[in-house]
Amino acid sequence: MATVTSRQNQIIKHIKKLHDKRYRDLCGEIIVEGVKTVKDFANKADIKYIVVTEGKEEELTSLVDTEKLLVYTVNDDLMKYISSTETPYGFLLICKKPTKEFVITEGNALLLDHVSDPGNLGTILRTAKAFGFNDIYLYGCVDVYSPKVIRAALGTVFDLNVYNIDIDDVQELIQHKKAYGLDLVGENIKSIQLVKPVLFVLGSESQGISKEVRSMVHSYLTIPMNHEVESLNVAIAGCIAMYSLEA
């Protein structure tokens, strides 16, 4: 293990820049942090090196085989400087960013249209894994490999097939799957027999499904609720839809 003490260190500067999506894309590297995420992800990742807070070295080696890895030790202040959390746990992995070419598979899937909140995307990913929606297509969404999304998803992003796609891919996808858009106006999701495999389409937090995607969707579903409530959070709506398919 090597000790790093300065913000001017090139490793620290590099990690700090990795909080920017453009830099992540340029370098092909991502940040993975949080003890639960590290524990679940360590054996699936192409780890380039690890940063650990002083005093956490022994706990790190119980989670990750560090024998052949570069490990840098930092103090609490330096870890807080490079972390995306106010109270970092003490582990930070720099890993090669996964890449997946767009393909259309046969199972149930989600198309997320301009979902912008990292917490919402992370929650949707965790629920998708729970209900067997293994293919997630992202159109104009927040970066799935941002530290906040990875942390919110508890590492499940690496267990799913996640594709960043353009509008042409959206059209091809919807042509091959029965696409159901979740909306405030549509057929009651509890009373319709859905054609499997399904493609649930979820829109942005503020605007819903975008105009260009809306014109392609085959059918619209709504979740019945108290009329005093204007709408549901996109992550909650997605969770209910996925559960209803199996209920």
C-alpha atoms as a PDB file:
ATOM      1  CA  MET A   1       0.000   0.000   0.000  1.00  0.00           C
ATOM      2  CA  ALA A   2       1.114   3.545  -0.792  1.00  0.00           C
ATOM      3  CA  THR A   3       0.125   6.594   1.225  1.00  0.00           C
ATOM      4  CA  VAL A   4      -1.218   9.723  -0.491  1.00  0.00           C
ATOM      5  CA  THR A   5      -1.402  12.942   1.504  1.00  0.00           C
ATOM      6  CA  SER A   6      -1.945  15.810  -0.966  1.00  0.00           C
ATOM      7  CA  ARG A   7      -4.824  17.026  -3.125  1.00  0.00           C
ATOM      8  CA  GLN A   8      -2.195  17.833  -5.735  1.00  0.00           C
ATOM      9  CA  ASN A   9      -1.335  14.155  -6.163  1.00  0.00           C
ATOM     10  CA  GLN A  10      -2.137  13.003  -9.710  1.00  0.00           C
ATOM     11  CA  ILE A  11      -4.226  10.069  -8.457  1.00  0.00           C
ATOM     12  CA  ILE A  12      -6.374  12.414  -6.367  1.00  0.00           C
ATOM     13  CA  LYS A  13      -6.761  14.884  -9.233  1.00  0.00           C
ATOM     14  CA  HIS A  14      -7.786  12.058 -11.563  1.00  0.00           C
ATOM     15  CA  ILE A  15     -10.416  10.681  -9.167  1.00  0.00           C
ATOM     16  CA  LYS A  16     -11.843  14.145  -8.594  1.00  0.00           C
ATOM     17  CA  LYS A  17     -12.289  14.583 -12.362  1.00  0.00           C
ATOM     18  CA  LEU A  18     -14.073  11.223 -12.603  1.00  0.00           C
ATOM     19  CA  HIS A  19     -17.130  12.843 -11.010  1.00  0.00           C
ATOM     20  CA  ASP A  20     -17.680  14.456 -14.407  1.00  0.00           C
ATOM     21  CA  LYS A  21     -19.435  12.250 -17.000  1.00  0.00           C
ATOM     22  CA  ARG A  22     -17.410  13.546 -19.935  1.00  0.00           C
ATOM     23  CA  TYR A  23     -14.181  12.682 -18.173  1.00  0.00           C
ATOM     24  CA  ARG A  24     -15.502   9.214 -17.247  1.00  0.00           C
ATOM     25  CA  ASP A  25     -16.405   8.577 -20.873  1.00  0.00           C
ATOM     26  CA  LEU A  26     -13.020   9.834 -22.050  1.00  0.00           C
ATOM     27  CA  CYS A  27     -11.070   7.671 -19.601  1.00  0.00           C
ATOM     28  CA  GLY A  28     -13.393   4.670 -19.606  1.00  0.00           C
ATOM     29  CA  GLU A  29     -13.233   4.565 -15.813  1.00  0.00           C
ATOM     30  CA  ILE A  30     -15.798   4.849 -13.018  1.00  0.00           C
ATOM     31  CA  ILE A  31     -15.917   5.284  -9.248  1.00  0.00           C
ATOM     32  CA  VAL A  32     -17.468   2.601  -7.038  1.00  0.00           C
ATOM     33  CA  GLU A  33     -17.873   3.365  -3.343  1.00  0.00           C
ATOM     34  CA  GLY A  34     -19.832   2.279  -0.294  1.00  0.00           C
ATOM     35  CA  VAL A  35     -19.205  -0.883   1.697  1.00  0.00           C
ATOM     36  CA  LYS A  36     -22.323  -2.736   0.438  1.00  0.00           C
ATOM     37  CA  THR A  37     -21.606  -1.848  -3.180  1.00  0.00           C
ATOM     38  CA  VAL A  38     -17.943  -2.731  -2.886  1.00  0.00           C
ATOM     39  CA  LYS A  39     -18.744  -6.053  -1.253  1.00  0.00           C
ATOM     40  CA  ASP A  40     -21.248  -7.035  -3.949  1.00  0.00           C
ATOM     41  CA  PHE A  41     -19.283  -5.635  -6.873  1.00  0.00           C
ATOM     42  CA  ALA A  42     -15.670  -6.496  -6.074  1.00  0.00           C
ATOM     43  CA  ASN A  43     -15.687  -9.892  -7.759  1.00  0.00           C
ATOM     44  CA  LYS A  44     -17.465  -8.572 -10.880  1.00  0.00           C
ATOM     45  CA  ALA A  45     -15.294  -5.552 -11.541  1.00  0.00           C
ATOM     46  CA  ASP A  46     -12.202  -4.829 -13.542  1.00  0.00           C
ATOM     47  CA  ILE A  47     -10.572  -2.910 -10.686  1.00  0.00           C
ATOM     48  CA  LYS A  48      -7.696  -0.628 -11.608  1.00  0.00           C
ATOM     49  CA  TYR A  49      -6.858   0.486  -8.077  1.00  0.00           C
ATOM     50  CA  ILE A  50      -8.385   1.178  -4.676  1.00  0.00           C
ATOM     51  CA  VAL A  51      -8.293   4.097  -2.262  1.00  0.00           C
ATOM     52  CA  VAL A  52      -8.899   3.331   1.420  1.00  0.00           C
ATOM     53  CA  THR A  53      -9.091   5.495   4.517  1.00  0.00           C
ATOM     54  CA  GLU A  54      -6.428   4.926   7.151  1.00  0.00           C
ATOM     55  CA  GLY A  55      -7.654   2.366   9.658  1.00  0.00           C
ATOM     56  CA  LYS A  56      -9.929   0.600   7.150  1.00  0.00           C
ATOM     57  CA  GLU A  57      -7.207  -1.481   5.500  1.00  0.00           C
ATOM     58  CA  GLU A  58      -7.990  -4.703   7.337  1.00  0.00           C
ATOM     59  CA  GLU A  59     -11.719  -4.416   6.633  1.00  0.00           C
ATOM     60  CA  LEU A  60     -10.964  -3.777   2.960  1.00  0.00           C
ATOM     61  CA  THR A  61      -8.897  -6.957   2.640  1.00  0.00           C
ATOM     62  CA  SER A  62     -11.814  -8.935   4.101  1.00  0.00           C
ATOM     63  CA  LEU A  63     -13.981  -7.753   1.204  1.00  0.00           C
ATOM     64  CA  VAL A  64     -11.554  -7.541  -1.706  1.00  0.00           C
ATOM     65  CA  ASP A  65      -8.544  -9.612  -2.690  1.00  0.00           C
ATOM     66  CA  THR A  66      -6.002  -6.797  -2.770  1.00  0.00           C
ATOM     67  CA  GLU A  67      -2.925  -8.952  -3.276  1.00  0.00           C
ATOM     68  CA  LYS A  68      -2.489  -8.015  -6.956  1.00  0.00           C
ATOM     69  CA  LEU A  69      -4.063  -4.552  -6.788  1.00  0.00           C
ATOM     70  CA  LEU A  70      -2.701  -1.072  -6.251  1.00  0.00           C
ATOM     71  CA  VAL A  71      -4.031   0.304  -2.982  1.00  0.00           C
ATOM     72  CA  TYR A  72      -3.628   3.913  -1.860  1.00  0.00           C
ATOM     73  CA  THR A  73      -4.195   4.961   1.749  1.00  0.00           C
ATOM     74  CA  VAL A  74      -5.533   8.447   2.520  1.00  0.00           C
ATOM     75  CA  ASN A  75      -6.717  10.347   5.588  1.00  0.00           C
ATOM     76  CA  ASP A  76     -10.373  11.130   6.317  1.00  0.00           C
ATOM     77  CA  ASP A  77     -10.232  14.642   4.853  1.00  0.00           C
ATOM     78  CA  LEU A  78      -8.762  13.453   1.559  1.00  0.00           C
ATOM     79  CA  MET A  79     -11.322  10.652   1.260  1.00  0.00           C
ATOM     80  CA  LYS A  80     -14.119  13.155   1.827  1.00  0.00           C
ATOM     81  CA  TYR A  81     -12.601  15.366  -0.872  1.00  0.00           C
ATOM     82  CA  ILE A  82     -12.750  12.646  -3.540  1.00  0.00           C
ATOM     83  CA  SER A  83     -15.993  11.000  -2.415  1.00  0.00           C
ATOM     84  CA  SER A  84     -19.505  11.838  -3.641  1.00  0.00           C
ATOM     85  CA  THR A  85     -20.941  11.436  -0.138  1.00  0.00           C
ATOM     86  CA  GLU A  86     -20.893  13.710   2.901  1.00  0.00           C
ATOM     87  CA  THR A  87     -19.828  10.847   5.146  1.00  0.00           C
ATOM     88  CA  PRO A  88     -17.826   8.374   3.033  1.00  0.00           C
ATOM     89  CA  TYR A  89     -17.440   4.889   4.451  1.00  0.00           C
ATOM     90  CA  GLY A  90     -13.785   4.611   3.557  1.00  0.00           C
ATOM     91  CA  PHE A  91     -13.513   2.485   0.390  1.00  0.00           C
ATOM     92  CA  LEU A  92     -13.301   3.801  -3.143  1.00  0.00           C
ATOM     93  CA  LEU A  93     -12.641   1.637  -6.197  1.00  0.00           C
ATOM     94  CA  ILE A  94     -11.571   2.932  -9.568  1.00  0.00           C
ATOM     95  CA  CYS A  95     -12.777   0.456 -12.180  1.00  0.00           C
ATOM     96  CA  LYS A  96     -12.990   0.021 -15.917  1.00  0.00           C
ATOM     97  CA  LYS A  97     -16.368   1.232 -17.194  1.00  0.00           C
ATOM     98  CA  PRO A  98     -18.545  -1.598 -18.570  1.00  0.00           C
ATOM     99  CA  THR A  99     -19.701  -1.206 -22.159  1.00  0.00           C
ATOM    100  CA  LYS A 100     -22.577  -2.955 -23.870  1.00  0.00           C
ATOM    101  CA  GLU A 101     -23.607  -2.816 -27.515  1.00  0.00           C
ATOM    102  CA  PHE A 102     -27.317  -2.332 -28.162  1.00  0.00           C
ATOM    103  CA  VAL A 103     -29.176  -5.619 -28.583  1.00  0.00           C
ATOM    104  CA  ILE A 104     -32.820  -6.593 -28.228  1.00  0.00           C
ATOM    105  CA  THR A 105     -33.398  -9.599 -25.993  1.00  0.00           C
ATOM    106  CA  GLU A 106     -36.468 -11.747 -25.393  1.00  0.00           C
ATOM    107  CA  GLY A 107     -37.247 -10.997 -21.743  1.00  0.00           C
ATOM    108  CA  ASN A 108     -39.210  -8.293 -19.961  1.00  0.00           C
ATOM    109  CA  ALA A 109     -37.480  -4.918 -20.202  1.00  0.00           C
ATOM    110  CA  LEU A 110     -37.662  -1.253 -19.266  1.00  0.00           C
ATOM    111  CA  LEU A 111     -37.237   1.784 -21.469  1.00  0.00           C
ATOM    112  CA  LEU A 112     -36.409   4.835 -19.361  1.00  0.00           C
ATOM    113  CA  ASP A 113     -36.997   8.102 -21.158  1.00  0.00           C
ATOM    114  CA  HIS A 114     -35.037  11.077 -19.739  1.00  0.00           C
ATOM    115  CA  VAL A 115     -35.089   9.919 -16.107  1.00  0.00           C
ATOM    116  CA  SER A 116     -32.772  12.480 -14.556  1.00  0.00           C
ATOM    117  CA  ASP A 117     -32.618  11.811 -10.824  1.00  0.00           C
ATOM    118  CA  PRO A 118     -29.815   9.422  -9.744  1.00  0.00           C
ATOM    119  CA  GLY A 119     -31.833   8.149  -6.790  1.00  0.00           C
ATOM    120  CA  ASN A 120     -34.812   7.319  -8.978  1.00  0.00           C
ATOM    121  CA  LEU A 121     -32.681   5.503 -11.525  1.00  0.00           C
ATOM    122  CA  GLY A 122     -30.908   3.552  -8.794  1.00  0.00           C
ATOM    123  CA  THR A 123     -34.215   2.516  -7.213  1.00  0.00           C
ATOM    124  CA  ILE A 124     -35.596   1.412 -10.580  1.00  0.00           C
ATOM    125  CA  LEU A 125     -32.505  -0.708 -11.220  1.00  0.00           C
ATOM    126  CA  ARG A 126     -32.716  -2.421  -7.826  1.00  0.00           C
ATOM    127  CA  THR A 127     -36.389  -3.215  -8.390  1.00  0.00           C
ATOM    128  CA  ALA A 128     -35.759  -4.397 -11.948  1.00  0.00           C
ATOM    129  CA  LYS A 129     -33.300  -6.972 -10.666  1.00  0.00           C
ATOM    130  CA  ALA A 130     -35.772  -8.097  -8.002  1.00  0.00           C
ATOM    131  CA  PHE A 131     -38.525  -8.731 -10.567  1.00  0.00           C
ATOM    132  CA  GLY A 132     -36.434 -10.196 -13.379  1.00  0.00           C
ATOM    133  CA  PHE A 133     -36.374  -7.182 -15.702  1.00  0.00           C
ATOM    134  CA  ASN A 134     -32.806  -7.791 -16.755  1.00  0.00           C
ATOM    135  CA  ASP A 135     -32.655  -5.454 -19.752  1.00  0.00           C
ATOM    136  CA  ILE A 136     -32.723  -1.709 -19.170  1.00  0.00           C
ATOM    137  CA  TYR A 137     -32.661   0.743 -22.074  1.00  0.00           C
ATOM    138  CA  LEU A 138     -31.753   4.347 -21.264  1.00  0.00           C
ATOM    139  CA  TYR A 139     -32.718   7.180 -23.580  1.00  0.00           C
ATOM    140  CA  GLY A 140     -31.423  10.591 -22.515  1.00  0.00           C
ATOM    141  CA  CYS A 141     -31.124   9.584 -18.851  1.00  0.00           C
ATOM    142  CA  VAL A 142     -28.710  10.535 -16.094  1.00  0.00           C
ATOM    143  CA  ASP A 143     -25.410   8.657 -16.429  1.00  0.00           C
ATOM    144  CA  VAL A 144     -25.958   5.176 -15.028  1.00  0.00           C
ATOM    145  CA  TYR A 145     -22.276   5.028 -14.079  1.00  0.00           C
ATOM    146  CA  SER A 146     -22.295   8.173 -11.974  1.00  0.00           C
ATOM    147  CA  PRO A 147     -21.229   7.451  -8.372  1.00  0.00           C
ATOM    148  CA  LYS A 148     -24.662   8.485  -7.079  1.00  0.00           C
ATOM    149  CA  VAL A 149     -26.537   6.064  -9.335  1.00  0.00           C
ATOM    150  CA  ILE A 150     -24.157   3.193  -8.582  1.00  0.00           C
ATOM    151  CA  ARG A 151     -24.558   3.805  -4.856  1.00  0.00           C
ATOM    152  CA  ALA A 152     -28.364   4.147  -5.061  1.00  0.00           C
ATOM    153  CA  ALA A 153     -28.569   0.922  -7.074  1.00  0.00           C
ATOM    154  CA  LEU A 154     -26.400  -0.897  -4.538  1.00  0.00           C
ATOM    155  CA  GLY A 155     -24.288  -2.263  -7.367  1.00  0.00           C
ATOM    156  CA  THR A 156     -27.195  -3.903  -9.235  1.00  0.00           C
ATOM    157  CA  VAL A 157     -26.281  -1.868 -12.318  1.00  0.00           C
ATOM    158  CA  PHE A 158     -23.515  -4.424 -12.873  1.00  0.00           C
ATOM    159  CA  ASP A 159     -25.929  -7.368 -12.685  1.00  0.00           C
ATOM    160  CA  LEU A 160     -28.231  -6.009 -15.400  1.00  0.00           C
ATOM    161  CA  ASN A 161     -27.898  -5.424 -19.120  1.00  0.00           C
ATOM    162  CA  VAL A 162     -27.937  -1.633 -19.313  1.00  0.00           C
ATOM    163  CA  TYR A 163     -27.875   0.048 -22.722  1.00  0.00           C
ATOM    164  CA  ASN A 164     -27.601   3.733 -23.572  1.00  0.00           C
ATOM    165  CA  ILE A 165     -29.560   4.172 -26.788  1.00  0.00           C
ATOM    166  CA  ASP A 166     -30.592   6.846 -29.296  1.00  0.00           C
ATOM    167  CA  ILE A 167     -33.983   7.528 -30.864  1.00  0.00           C
ATOM    168  CA  ASP A 168     -33.362   5.117 -33.750  1.00  0.00           C
ATOM    169  CA  ASP A 169     -32.668   2.351 -31.236  1.00  0.00           C
ATOM    170  CA  VAL A 170     -35.846   3.319 -29.375  1.00  0.00           C
ATOM    171  CA  GLN A 171     -37.858   2.863 -32.550  1.00  0.00           C
ATOM    172  CA  GLU A 172     -36.303  -0.524 -33.285  1.00  0.00           C
ATOM    173  CA  LEU A 173     -36.858  -1.664 -29.699  1.00  0.00           C
ATOM    174  CA  ILE A 174     -40.528  -0.701 -29.694  1.00  0.00           C
ATOM    175  CA  GLN A 175     -41.050  -2.435 -33.038  1.00  0.00           C
ATOM    176  CA  HIS A 176     -39.841  -5.704 -31.506  1.00  0.00           C
ATOM    177  CA  LYS A 177     -41.577  -5.580 -28.114  1.00  0.00           C
ATOM    178  CA  LYS A 178     -45.056  -4.755 -26.858  1.00  0.00           C
ATOM    179  CA  ALA A 179     -44.479  -1.282 -25.391  1.00  0.00           C
ATOM    180  CA  TYR A 180     -46.681  -0.107 -22.514  1.00  0.00           C
ATOM    181  CA  GLY A 181     -46.230   3.492 -21.437  1.00  0.00           C
ATOM    182  CA  LEU A 182     -47.014   4.413 -17.837  1.00  0.00           C
ATOM    183  CA  ASP A 183     -49.086   7.575 -17.832  1.00  0.00           C
ATOM    184  CA  LEU A 184     -51.784   9.449 -15.919  1.00  0.00           C
ATOM    185  CA  VAL A 185     -54.251   8.530 -18.652  1.00  0.00           C
ATOM    186  CA  GLY A 186     -54.540   4.967 -19.895  1.00  0.00           C
ATOM    187  CA  GLU A 187     -56.038   1.555 -19.209  1.00  0.00           C
ATOM    188  CA  ASN A 188     -56.132   0.406 -15.604  1.00  0.00           C
ATOM    189  CA  ILE A 189     -53.004  -1.710 -15.101  1.00  0.00           C
ATOM    190  CA  LYS A 190     -55.001  -4.005 -12.790  1.00  0.00           C
ATOM    191  CA  SER A 191     -57.645  -4.837 -15.383  1.00  0.00           C
ATOM    192  CA  ILE A 192     -55.662  -5.469 -18.560  1.00  0.00           C
ATOM    193  CA  GLN A 193     -54.002  -8.708 -19.642  1.00  0.00           C
ATOM    194  CA  LEU A 194     -50.494  -7.694 -20.626  1.00  0.00           C
ATOM    195  CA  VAL A 195     -48.728  -9.336 -23.552  1.00  0.00           C
ATOM    196  CA  LYS A 196     -45.397 -10.773 -22.447  1.00  0.00           C
ATOM    197  CA  PRO A 197     -42.579 -10.080 -22.756  1.00  0.00           C
ATOM    198  CA  VAL A 198     -43.410  -6.498 -21.922  1.00  0.00           C
ATOM    199  CA  LEU A 199     -41.526  -3.282 -22.414  1.00  0.00           C
ATOM    200  CA  PHE A 200     -42.572  -0.773 -19.764  1.00  0.00           C
ATOM    201  CA  VAL A 201     -41.817   2.812 -20.800  1.00  0.00           C
ATOM    202  CA  LEU A 202     -41.198   5.300 -17.985  1.00  0.00           C
ATOM    203  CA  GLY A 203     -40.864   9.026 -18.618  1.00  0.00           C
ATOM    204  CA  SER A 204     -39.007  11.833 -16.896  1.00  0.00           C
ATOM    205  CA  GLU A 205     -39.860  13.109 -13.432  1.00  0.00           C
ATOM    206  CA  SER A 206     -41.147  16.453 -14.698  1.00  0.00           C
ATOM    207  CA  GLN A 207     -42.415  15.886 -18.259  1.00  0.00           C
ATOM    208  CA  GLY A 208     -43.336  12.221 -18.445  1.00  0.00           C
ATOM    209  CA  ILE A 209     -42.785  10.343 -21.685  1.00  0.00           C
ATOM    210  CA  SER A 210     -41.242  12.592 -24.323  1.00  0.00           C
ATOM    211  CA  LYS A 211     -43.113  13.583 -27.474  1.00  0.00           C
ATOM    212  CA  GLU A 212     -40.810  11.602 -29.786  1.00  0.00           C
ATOM    213  CA  VAL A 213     -41.184   8.412 -27.757  1.00  0.00           C
ATOM    214  CA  ARG A 214     -44.893   8.895 -27.011  1.00  0.00           C
ATOM    215  CA  SER A 215     -45.805   8.607 -30.687  1.00  0.00           C
ATOM    216  CA  MET A 216     -44.242   5.140 -30.872  1.00  0.00           C
ATOM    217  CA  VAL A 217     -45.736   3.517 -27.761  1.00  0.00           C
ATOM    218  CA  HIS A 218     -48.412   0.883 -28.441  1.00  0.00           C
ATOM    219  CA  SER A 219     -50.593   1.215 -25.313  1.00  0.00           C
ATOM    220  CA  TYR A 220     -50.815   3.321 -22.197  1.00  0.00           C
ATOM    221  CA  LEU A 221     -51.401   2.107 -18.655  1.00  0.00           C
ATOM    222  CA  THR A 222     -52.346   4.010 -15.541  1.00  0.00           C
ATOM    223  CA  ILE A 223     -52.057   3.030 -11.892  1.00  0.00           C
ATOM    224  CA  PRO A 224     -55.338   3.693 -10.049  1.00  0.00           C
ATOM    225  CA  MET A 225     -54.906   5.941  -7.009  1.00  0.00           C
ATOM    226  CA  ASN A 226     -56.576   8.541  -4.851  1.00  0.00           C
ATOM    227  CA  HIS A 227     -57.593  11.476  -7.053  1.00  0.00           C
ATOM    228  CA  GLU A 228     -56.244  13.884  -4.440  1.00  0.00           C
ATOM    229  CA  VAL A 229     -52.738  12.714  -5.407  1.00  0.00           C
ATOM    230  CA  GLU A 230     -51.542  14.281  -8.635  1.00  0.00           C
ATOM    231  CA  SER A 231     -48.991  11.667  -9.657  1.00  0.00           C
ATOM    232  CA  LEU A 232     -46.549   9.019  -8.473  1.00  0.00           C
ATOM    233  CA  ASN A 233     -42.789   9.239  -8.376  1.00  0.00           C
ATOM    234  CA  VAL A 234     -41.361   7.550 -11.492  1.00  0.00           C
ATOM    235  CA  ALA A 235     -39.439   4.994  -9.460  1.00  0.00           C
ATOM    236  CA  ILE A 236     -42.527   4.074  -7.426  1.00  0.00           C
ATOM    237  CA  ALA A 237     -44.643   3.795 -10.582  1.00  0.00           C
ATOM    238  CA  GLY A 238     -42.048   1.537 -12.174  1.00  0.00           C
ATOM    239  CA  CYS A 239     -41.890  -0.655  -9.074  1.00  0.00           C
ATOM    240  CA  ILE A 240     -45.680  -1.083  -9.012  1.00  0.00           C
ATOM    241  CA  ALA A 241     -45.794  -1.914 -12.724  1.00  0.00           C
ATOM    242  CA  MET A 242     -43.080  -4.550 -12.477  1.00  0.00           C
ATOM    243  CA  TYR A 243     -44.679  -6.117  -9.412  1.00  0.00           C
ATOM    244  CA  SER A 244     -48.136  -6.120 -11.009  1.00  0.00           C
ATOM    245  CA  LEU A 245     -46.838  -8.226 -13.884  1.00  0.00           C
ATOM    246  CA  GLU A 246     -46.029 -11.052 -11.490  1.00  0.00           C
ATOM    247  CA  ALA A 247     -48.803 -10.511  -8.918  1.00  0.00           C
END
